[in-house]
Protein backbone atom coordinates (compact mmCIF):
# COMPACT_ATOMS: atom_id res chain seq x y z
CA MET A 1 -13.96 55.86 -40.31
CA ALA A 2 -14.88 56.91 -36.79
CA ARG A 3 -12.11 57.47 -34.28
CA ARG A 4 -12.04 55.84 -30.89
CA LYS A 5 -12.19 58.15 -27.92
CA SER A 6 -9.14 58.30 -25.71
CA LYS A 7 -9.31 57.20 -22.09
CA VAL A 8 -8.88 60.80 -20.98
CA LYS A 9 -11.77 61.97 -23.14
CA LYS A 10 -13.97 59.13 -21.91
CA ARG A 11 -13.11 60.00 -18.30
CA GLU A 12 -13.91 63.67 -18.90
CA GLU A 13 -17.26 62.79 -20.50
CA LEU A 14 -18.06 60.49 -17.56
CA ILE A 15 -17.31 63.30 -15.11
CA GLN A 16 -19.50 65.71 -17.09
CA SER A 17 -22.37 63.25 -17.29
CA THR A 18 -22.13 62.42 -13.60
CA PHE A 19 -22.11 66.05 -12.58
CA LEU A 20 -25.02 66.92 -14.88
CA PHE A 21 -26.97 64.08 -13.31
CA VAL A 22 -26.04 65.36 -9.83
CA ILE A 23 -27.11 68.89 -10.79
CA PHE A 24 -30.48 67.58 -11.94
CA VAL A 25 -30.97 65.35 -8.90
CA THR A 26 -29.95 68.02 -6.40
CA GLY A 27 -32.13 70.65 -8.03
CA PHE A 28 -35.13 68.36 -8.33
CA GLY A 29 -34.55 66.82 -4.90
CA THR A 30 -34.32 70.24 -3.28
CA PHE A 31 -37.54 71.30 -4.95
CA VAL A 32 -39.37 68.13 -3.86
CA MET A 33 -38.17 68.50 -0.26
CA THR A 34 -38.64 72.26 0.15
CA LYS A 35 -41.14 73.23 -2.58
CA SER A 36 -38.91 76.25 -3.19
CA VAL A 37 -38.00 76.98 -6.79
CA TYR A 38 -35.51 79.64 -5.70
CA LEU A 39 -33.62 77.27 -3.39
CA SER A 40 -33.53 74.50 -6.00
CA ILE A 41 -32.10 76.95 -8.58
CA VAL A 42 -29.44 78.07 -6.08
CA VAL A 43 -28.47 74.47 -5.30
CA SER A 44 -28.30 73.65 -9.03
CA LEU A 45 -26.11 76.70 -9.70
CA ILE A 46 -23.75 75.72 -6.89
CA SER A 47 -23.49 72.21 -8.37
CA LEU A 48 -22.85 73.73 -11.81
CA GLY A 49 -20.09 75.91 -10.34
CA ILE A 50 -18.44 72.84 -8.85
CA LEU A 51 -18.64 71.09 -12.24
CA ILE A 52 -16.98 74.03 -13.96
CA ALA A 53 -14.24 74.14 -11.30
CA VAL A 54 -13.53 70.41 -11.74
CA LEU A 55 -13.33 70.72 -15.54
CA ILE A 56 -10.99 73.72 -15.28
CA ASN A 57 -8.81 71.76 -12.85
CA ILE A 58 -8.65 68.84 -15.31
CA LYS A 59 -7.62 71.22 -18.09
CA TYR A 60 -4.81 72.73 -16.01
CA GLN A 61 -3.59 69.29 -14.96
CA ARG A 62 -3.35 68.38 -18.64
CA ILE A 63 -1.37 71.56 -19.36
CA ARG A 64 1.00 70.87 -16.45
CA ARG A 65 1.54 67.34 -17.73
CA LEU A 66 2.36 68.74 -21.20
CA LYS A 67 4.88 71.17 -19.70
CA ARG A 68 6.70 68.30 -17.98
CA SER A 69 6.81 66.18 -21.15
CA GLY A 70 10.25 65.01 -22.11
CA ILE A 71 11.47 63.59 -25.39
CA GLU A 72 10.35 60.08 -24.39
CA ASP A 73 6.82 61.36 -23.82
CA ILE A 74 6.85 63.22 -27.12
CA ASP A 75 7.91 60.05 -28.95
CA GLN A 76 4.85 58.27 -27.51
CA MET A 77 2.37 60.99 -28.61
CA ASN A 78 0.06 60.51 -31.54
CA GLY A 79 -0.32 63.27 -34.12
CA ILE A 80 -3.21 65.07 -32.41
CA GLN A 81 -1.48 65.06 -29.01
CA PHE A 82 1.70 66.38 -30.62
CA GLU A 83 -0.21 69.21 -32.32
CA LYS A 84 -1.75 70.19 -28.97
CA TYR A 85 1.69 70.03 -27.35
CA LEU A 86 3.18 72.33 -30.00
CA SER A 87 0.18 74.65 -29.76
CA HIS A 88 0.75 75.02 -26.02
CA LEU A 89 4.50 75.60 -26.47
CA PHE A 90 3.92 78.32 -29.05
CA ALA A 91 1.14 79.94 -27.00
CA VAL A 92 3.47 80.18 -23.98
CA GLN A 93 5.98 81.99 -26.21
CA GLY A 94 3.33 84.55 -27.19
CA TYR A 95 2.15 83.19 -30.51
CA LYS A 96 -1.52 82.91 -31.36
CA THR A 97 -2.29 79.26 -32.03
CA GLN A 98 -5.29 77.29 -33.18
CA VAL A 99 -5.48 73.51 -33.28
CA THR A 100 -7.72 72.55 -36.15
CA LYS A 101 -10.22 69.71 -36.13
CA ALA A 102 -8.63 66.33 -36.76
CA ALA A 103 -9.79 65.46 -40.24
CA GLY A 104 -7.66 62.45 -41.05
CA ASP A 105 -5.62 64.51 -43.48
CA TYR A 106 -2.25 63.52 -42.02
CA GLY A 107 -1.45 67.14 -41.19
CA LEU A 108 -2.43 68.60 -44.55
CA THR A 109 -4.96 71.42 -44.72
């Protein structure tokens, strides 16, 4: 059975899609207006850099939100969110962690 995507994941995919569209439009638009391949590549790379910065910012916001989680927040988490929360807690303490792909195995590997 396929899983539904969370609102956060949908929002992140929307941001990625929007930025990829903007990268294409700015690169192509710059080329059409200036006829300069070099300038259109530079504009596309700048747009790509902005996309990467936004995605990194989203990731760090998520980590900050996990750090502030209290017991009430933990009680509301589903299994996958809880595994990510524990992974982050152990990583901060110096352990090497790896969250495995959610396989519908109820935590069994």
